[in-house]
Amino acid sequence: MITTQKEIRENFWQEYPEADRRKIKNYAGDGLMYKTDTRVLFVDYVDYLQKSGEISEALAQRVTL
């Protein structure tokens, strides 16, 4: 069972090496964020982990990329 946000992020990048790691300016223009395709892929991955019982619902709710 995965218990930390760091583990989720590491597993995500290993599982999806093709995911775009480049960051763009966020919508407010004061920071950076991953592109939409990468963020959606990450959310789907976290949803899968939670539904398959690999992470808790609480961890799924707080994890960020």
PDB file of N, CA and C in Angstrom:
ATOM      1  N   MET A   1       0.847  -1.190   0.000  1.00  0.00           N
ATOM      2  CA  MET A   1       0.000   0.000   0.000  1.00  0.00           C
ATOM      3  C   MET A   1       0.888   1.246   0.000  1.00  0.00           C
ATOM      4  N   ILE A   2       0.492   2.212  -0.779  1.00  0.00           N
ATOM      5  CA  ILE A   2       1.206   3.485  -0.875  1.00  0.00           C
ATOM      6  C   ILE A   2       0.690   4.392   0.242  1.00  0.00           C
ATOM      7  N   THR A   3       1.626   5.037   0.957  1.00  0.00           N
ATOM      8  CA  THR A   3       1.189   5.833   2.108  1.00  0.00           C
ATOM      9  C   THR A   3       1.605   7.296   2.059  1.00  0.00           C
ATOM     10  N   THR A   4       2.387   7.708   1.061  1.00  0.00           N
ATOM     11  CA  THR A   4       2.820   9.111   1.013  1.00  0.00           C
ATOM     12  C   THR A   4       2.575   9.722  -0.359  1.00  0.00           C
ATOM     13  N   GLN A   5       2.445  11.046  -0.361  1.00  0.00           N
ATOM     14  CA  GLN A   5       2.292  11.769  -1.623  1.00  0.00           C
ATOM     15  C   GLN A   5       3.528  11.585  -2.507  1.00  0.00           C
ATOM     16  N   LYS A   6       4.685  11.581  -1.888  1.00  0.00           N
ATOM     17  CA  LYS A   6       5.927  11.415  -2.637  1.00  0.00           C
ATOM     18  C   LYS A   6       5.936  10.097  -3.404  1.00  0.00           C
ATOM     19  N   GLU A   7       5.490   9.025  -2.755  1.00  0.00           N
ATOM     20  CA  GLU A   7       5.438   7.718  -3.414  1.00  0.00           C
ATOM     21  C   GLU A   7       4.487   7.739  -4.606  1.00  0.00           C
ATOM     22  N   ILE A   8       3.359   8.406  -4.453  1.00  0.00           N
ATOM     23  CA  ILE A   8       2.402   8.490  -5.551  1.00  0.00           C
ATOM     24  C   ILE A   8       3.032   9.205  -6.741  1.00  0.00           C
ATOM     25  N   ARG A   9       3.666  10.348  -6.478  1.00  0.00           N
ATOM     26  CA  ARG A   9       4.292  11.105  -7.572  1.00  0.00           C
ATOM     27  C   ARG A   9       5.397  10.292  -8.253  1.00  0.00           C
ATOM     28  N   GLU A  10       6.247   9.640  -7.458  1.00  0.00           N
ATOM     29  CA  GLU A  10       7.326   8.832  -8.035  1.00  0.00           C
ATOM     30  C   GLU A  10       6.757   7.707  -8.894  1.00  0.00           C
ATOM     31  N   ASN A  11       5.736   7.023  -8.379  1.00  0.00           N
ATOM     32  CA  ASN A  11       5.115   5.937  -9.140  1.00  0.00           C
ATOM     33  C   ASN A  11       4.445   6.448 -10.405  1.00  0.00           C
ATOM     34  N   PHE A  12       3.825   7.621 -10.319  1.00  0.00           N
ATOM     35  CA  PHE A  12       3.178   8.206 -11.494  1.00  0.00           C
ATOM     36  C   PHE A  12       4.188   8.438 -12.607  1.00  0.00           C
ATOM     37  N   TRP A  13       5.307   9.073 -12.308  1.00  0.00           N
ATOM     38  CA  TRP A  13       6.300   9.368 -13.341  1.00  0.00           C
ATOM     39  C   TRP A  13       6.918   8.083 -13.899  1.00  0.00           C
ATOM     40  N   GLN A  14       7.053   7.051 -13.073  1.00  0.00           N
ATOM     41  CA  GLN A  14       7.563   5.769 -13.561  1.00  0.00           C
ATOM     42  C   GLN A  14       6.543   5.078 -14.458  1.00  0.00           C
ATOM     43  N   GLU A  15       5.296   5.144 -14.063  1.00  0.00           N
ATOM     44  CA  GLU A  15       4.215   4.484 -14.806  1.00  0.00           C
ATOM     45  C   GLU A  15       3.915   5.194 -16.126  1.00  0.00           C
ATOM     46  N   TYR A  16       4.110   6.505 -16.157  1.00  0.00           N
ATOM     47  CA  TYR A  16       3.794   7.307 -17.344  1.00  0.00           C
ATOM     48  C   TYR A  16       5.003   8.147 -17.767  1.00  0.00           C
ATOM     49  N   PRO A  17       6.052   7.510 -18.250  1.00  0.00           N
ATOM     50  CA  PRO A  17       7.245   8.270 -18.641  1.00  0.00           C
ATOM     51  C   PRO A  17       6.989   9.224 -19.811  1.00  0.00           C
ATOM     52  N   GLU A  18       5.919   8.963 -20.554  1.00  0.00           N
ATOM     53  CA  GLU A  18       5.588   9.829 -21.689  1.00  0.00           C
ATOM     54  C   GLU A  18       4.855  11.096 -21.270  1.00  0.00           C
ATOM     55  N   ALA A  19       4.443  11.184 -20.028  1.00  0.00           N
ATOM     56  CA  ALA A  19       3.735  12.378 -19.543  1.00  0.00           C
ATOM     57  C   ALA A  19       4.665  13.590 -19.640  1.00  0.00           C
ATOM     58  N   ASP A  20       4.105  14.698 -20.085  1.00  0.00           N
ATOM     59  CA  ASP A  20       4.865  15.928 -20.293  1.00  0.00           C
ATOM     60  C   ASP A  20       5.244  16.543 -18.943  1.00  0.00           C
ATOM     61  N   ARG A  21       6.534  16.655 -18.687  1.00  0.00           N
ATOM     62  CA  ARG A  21       7.011  17.213 -17.408  1.00  0.00           C
ATOM     63  C   ARG A  21       7.222  18.724 -17.469  1.00  0.00           C
ATOM     64  N   ARG A  22       7.037  19.309 -18.639  1.00  0.00           N
ATOM     65  CA  ARG A  22       7.244  20.754 -18.752  1.00  0.00           C
ATOM     66  C   ARG A  22       6.135  21.496 -18.014  1.00  0.00           C
ATOM     67  N   LYS A  23       6.499  22.616 -17.453  1.00  0.00           N
ATOM     68  CA  LYS A  23       5.525  23.444 -16.738  1.00  0.00           C
ATOM     69  C   LYS A  23       5.271  24.717 -17.533  1.00  0.00           C
ATOM     70  N   ILE A  24       4.066  25.240 -17.363  1.00  0.00           N
ATOM     71  CA  ILE A  24       3.667  26.491 -17.998  1.00  0.00           C
ATOM     72  C   ILE A  24       3.208  27.443 -16.908  1.00  0.00           C
ATOM     73  N   LYS A  25       3.057  28.724 -17.260  1.00  0.00           N
ATOM     74  CA  LYS A  25       2.558  29.696 -16.282  1.00  0.00           C
ATOM     75  C   LYS A  25       1.146  29.319 -15.880  1.00  0.00           C
ATOM     76  N   ASN A  26       0.863  29.486 -14.594  1.00  0.00           N
ATOM     77  CA  ASN A  26      -0.497  29.187 -14.142  1.00  0.00           C
ATOM     78  C   ASN A  26      -1.447  30.283 -14.624  1.00  0.00           C
ATOM     79  N   TYR A  27      -2.729  30.056 -14.426  1.00  0.00           N
ATOM     80  CA  TYR A  27      -3.735  30.975 -14.961  1.00  0.00           C
ATOM     81  C   TYR A  27      -3.644  32.374 -14.381  1.00  0.00           C
ATOM     82  N   ALA A  28      -3.173  32.488 -13.154  1.00  0.00           N
ATOM     83  CA  ALA A  28      -3.018  33.805 -12.540  1.00  0.00           C
ATOM     84  C   ALA A  28      -1.742  34.500 -13.009  1.00  0.00           C
ATOM     85  N   GLY A  29      -0.829  33.725 -13.616  1.00  0.00           N
ATOM     86  CA  GLY A  29       0.416  34.297 -14.114  1.00  0.00           C
ATOM     87  C   GLY A  29       1.488  34.481 -13.057  1.00  0.00           C
ATOM     88  N   ASP A  30       1.259  33.933 -11.860  1.00  0.00           N
ATOM     89  CA  ASP A  30       2.226  34.147 -10.787  1.00  0.00           C
ATOM     90  C   ASP A  30       2.942  32.870 -10.347  1.00  0.00           C
ATOM     91  N   GLY A  31       2.828  31.806 -11.119  1.00  0.00           N
ATOM     92  CA  GLY A  31       3.481  30.547 -10.766  1.00  0.00           C
ATOM     93  C   GLY A  31       3.491  29.602 -11.951  1.00  0.00           C
ATOM     94  N   LEU A  32       3.847  28.368 -11.691  1.00  0.00           N
ATOM     95  CA  LEU A  32       3.921  27.372 -12.746  1.00  0.00           C
ATOM     96  C   LEU A  32       3.017  26.185 -12.434  1.00  0.00           C
ATOM     97  N   MET A  33       2.588  25.504 -13.490  1.00  0.00           N
ATOM     98  CA  MET A  33       1.778  24.303 -13.340  1.00  0.00           C
ATOM     99  C   MET A  33       2.080  23.374 -14.511  1.00  0.00           C
ATOM    100  N   TYR A  34       1.743  22.096 -14.342  1.00  0.00           N
ATOM    101  CA  TYR A  34       1.887  21.152 -15.441  1.00  0.00           C
ATOM    102  C   TYR A  34       0.775  21.394 -16.446  1.00  0.00           C
ATOM    103  N   LYS A  35       1.016  20.970 -17.676  1.00  0.00           N
ATOM    104  CA  LYS A  35       0.010  21.112 -18.721  1.00  0.00           C
ATOM    105  C   LYS A  35      -1.223  20.278 -18.380  1.00  0.00           C
ATOM    106  N   THR A  36      -2.344  20.644 -18.966  1.00  0.00           N
ATOM    107  CA  THR A  36      -3.625  20.011 -18.662  1.00  0.00           C
ATOM    108  C   THR A  36      -3.590  18.503 -18.865  1.00  0.00           C
ATOM    109  N   ASP A  37      -3.029  18.020 -19.962  1.00  0.00           N
ATOM    110  CA  ASP A  37      -3.001  16.578 -20.222  1.00  0.00           C
ATOM    111  C   ASP A  37      -2.303  15.825 -19.095  1.00  0.00           C
ATOM    112  N   THR A  38      -1.224  16.379 -18.585  1.00  0.00           N
ATOM    113  CA  THR A  38      -0.484  15.735 -17.496  1.00  0.00           C
ATOM    114  C   THR A  38      -1.302  15.752 -16.216  1.00  0.00           C
ATOM    115  N   ARG A  39      -1.948  16.865 -15.923  1.00  0.00           N
ATOM    116  CA  ARG A  39      -2.757  16.964 -14.705  1.00  0.00           C
ATOM    117  C   ARG A  39      -3.936  15.995 -14.743  1.00  0.00           C
ATOM    118  N   VAL A  40      -4.585  15.883 -15.900  1.00  0.00           N
ATOM    119  CA  VAL A  40      -5.718  14.964 -16.036  1.00  0.00           C
ATOM    120  C   VAL A  40      -5.245  13.519 -15.883  1.00  0.00           C
ATOM    121  N   LEU A  41      -4.125  13.180 -16.488  1.00  0.00           N
ATOM    122  CA  LEU A  41      -3.564  11.840 -16.360  1.00  0.00           C
ATOM    123  C   LEU A  41      -3.261  11.521 -14.902  1.00  0.00           C
ATOM    124  N   PHE A  42      -2.720  12.491 -14.174  1.00  0.00           N
ATOM    125  CA  PHE A  42      -2.402  12.293 -12.759  1.00  0.00           C
ATOM    126  C   PHE A  42      -3.676  12.066 -11.939  1.00  0.00           C
ATOM    127  N   VAL A  43      -4.694  12.859 -12.168  1.00  0.00           N
ATOM    128  CA  VAL A  43      -5.955  12.720 -11.431  1.00  0.00           C
ATOM    129  C   VAL A  43      -6.576  11.345 -11.706  1.00  0.00           C
ATOM    130  N   ASP A  44      -6.549  10.922 -12.961  1.00  0.00           N
ATOM    131  CA  ASP A  44      -7.075   9.594 -13.298  1.00  0.00           C
ATOM    132  C   ASP A  44      -6.268   8.498 -12.602  1.00  0.00           C
ATOM    133  N   TYR A  45      -4.960   8.663 -12.532  1.00  0.00           N
ATOM    134  CA  TYR A  45      -4.090   7.703 -11.865  1.00  0.00           C
ATOM    135  C   TYR A  45      -4.411   7.629 -10.372  1.00  0.00           C
ATOM    136  N   VAL A  46      -4.562   8.772  -9.732  1.00  0.00           N
ATOM    137  CA  VAL A  46      -4.894   8.813  -8.305  1.00  0.00           C
ATOM    138  C   VAL A  46      -6.265   8.177  -8.065  1.00  0.00           C
ATOM    139  N   ASP A  47      -7.215   8.457  -8.923  1.00  0.00           N
ATOM    140  CA  ASP A  47      -8.547   7.867  -8.810  1.00  0.00           C
ATOM    141  C   ASP A  47      -8.463   6.342  -8.895  1.00  0.00           C
ATOM    142  N   TYR A  48      -7.672   5.847  -9.840  1.00  0.00           N
ATOM    143  CA  TYR A  48      -7.479   4.403  -9.977  1.00  0.00           C
ATOM    144  C   TYR A  48      -6.863   3.810  -8.703  1.00  0.00           C
ATOM    145  N   LEU A  49      -5.822   4.462  -8.181  1.00  0.00           N
ATOM    146  CA  LEU A  49      -5.167   3.960  -6.968  1.00  0.00           C
ATOM    147  C   LEU A  49      -6.138   3.882  -5.804  1.00  0.00           C
ATOM    148  N   GLN A  50      -6.977   4.905  -5.659  1.00  0.00           N
ATOM    149  CA  GLN A  50      -7.929   4.937  -4.544  1.00  0.00           C
ATOM    150  C   GLN A  50      -9.003   3.863  -4.723  1.00  0.00           C
ATOM    151  N   LYS A  51      -9.550   3.738  -5.913  1.00  0.00           N
ATOM    152  CA  LYS A  51     -10.620   2.763  -6.149  1.00  0.00           C
ATOM    153  C   LYS A  51     -10.125   1.325  -6.057  1.00  0.00           C
ATOM    154  N   SER A  52      -8.842   1.103  -6.354  1.00  0.00           N
ATOM    155  CA  SER A  52      -8.294  -0.252  -6.272  1.00  0.00           C
ATOM    156  C   SER A  52      -7.774  -0.572  -4.877  1.00  0.00           C
ATOM    157  N   GLY A  53      -7.866   0.385  -3.962  1.00  0.00           N
ATOM    158  CA  GLY A  53      -7.473   0.158  -2.583  1.00  0.00           C
ATOM    159  C   GLY A  53      -5.988   0.309  -2.314  1.00  0.00           C
ATOM    160  N   GLU A  54      -5.243   0.857  -3.273  1.00  0.00           N
ATOM    161  CA  GLU A  54      -3.799   1.024  -3.089  1.00  0.00           C
ATOM    162  C   GLU A  54      -3.447   2.255  -2.256  1.00  0.00           C
ATOM    163  N   ILE A  55      -4.374   3.219  -2.189  1.00  0.00           N
ATOM    164  CA  ILE A  55      -4.193   4.398  -1.333  1.00  0.00           C
ATOM    165  C   ILE A  55      -5.515   4.686  -0.637  1.00  0.00           C
ATOM    166  N   SER A  56      -5.430   5.393   0.473  1.00  0.00           N
ATOM    167  CA  SER A  56      -6.649   5.754   1.208  1.00  0.00           C
ATOM    168  C   SER A  56      -7.368   6.905   0.507  1.00  0.00           C
ATOM    169  N   GLU A  57      -8.630   7.061   0.828  1.00  0.00           N
ATOM    170  CA  GLU A  57      -9.401   8.177   0.276  1.00  0.00           C
ATOM    171  C   GLU A  57      -8.826   9.502   0.756  1.00  0.00           C
ATOM    172  N   ALA A  58      -8.381   9.548   2.004  1.00  0.00           N
ATOM    173  CA  ALA A  58      -7.805  10.778   2.565  1.00  0.00           C
ATOM    174  C   ALA A  58      -6.559  11.176   1.796  1.00  0.00           C
ATOM    175  N   LEU A  59      -5.710  10.227   1.485  1.00  0.00           N
ATOM    176  CA  LEU A  59      -4.497  10.518   0.713  1.00  0.00           C
ATOM    177  C   LEU A  59      -4.859  10.952  -0.700  1.00  0.00           C
ATOM    178  N   ALA A  60      -5.841  10.303  -1.295  1.00  0.00           N
ATOM    179  CA  ALA A  60      -6.281  10.685  -2.648  1.00  0.00           C
ATOM    180  C   ALA A  60      -6.780  12.133  -2.672  1.00  0.00           C
ATOM    181  N   GLN A  61      -7.418  12.568  -1.600  1.00  0.00           N
ATOM    182  CA  GLN A  61      -7.968  13.918  -1.539  1.00  0.00           C
ATOM    183  C   GLN A  61      -6.905  14.996  -1.359  1.00  0.00           C
ATOM    184  N   ARG A  62      -5.761  14.642  -0.785  1.00  0.00           N
ATOM    185  CA  ARG A  62      -4.765  15.685  -0.512  1.00  0.00           C
ATOM    186  C   ARG A  62      -3.542  15.666  -1.426  1.00  0.00           C
ATOM    187  N   VAL A  63      -3.343  14.602  -2.200  1.00  0.00           N
ATOM    188  CA  VAL A  63      -2.148  14.507  -3.028  1.00  0.00           C
ATOM    189  C   VAL A  63      -2.171  15.543  -4.153  1.00  0.00           C
ATOM    190  N   THR A  64      -1.013  16.126  -4.417  1.00  0.00           N
ATOM    191  CA  THR A  64      -0.851  17.055  -5.525  1.00  0.00           C
ATOM    192  C   THR A  64       0.351  16.618  -6.351  1.00  0.00           C
ATOM    193  N   LEU A  65       0.336  17.026  -7.587  1.00  0.00           N
ATOM    194  CA  LEU A  65       1.434  16.706  -8.470  1.00  0.00           C
ATOM    195  C   LEU A  65       2.533  17.713  -8.270  1.00  0.00           C
TER     196      LEU A  65
END
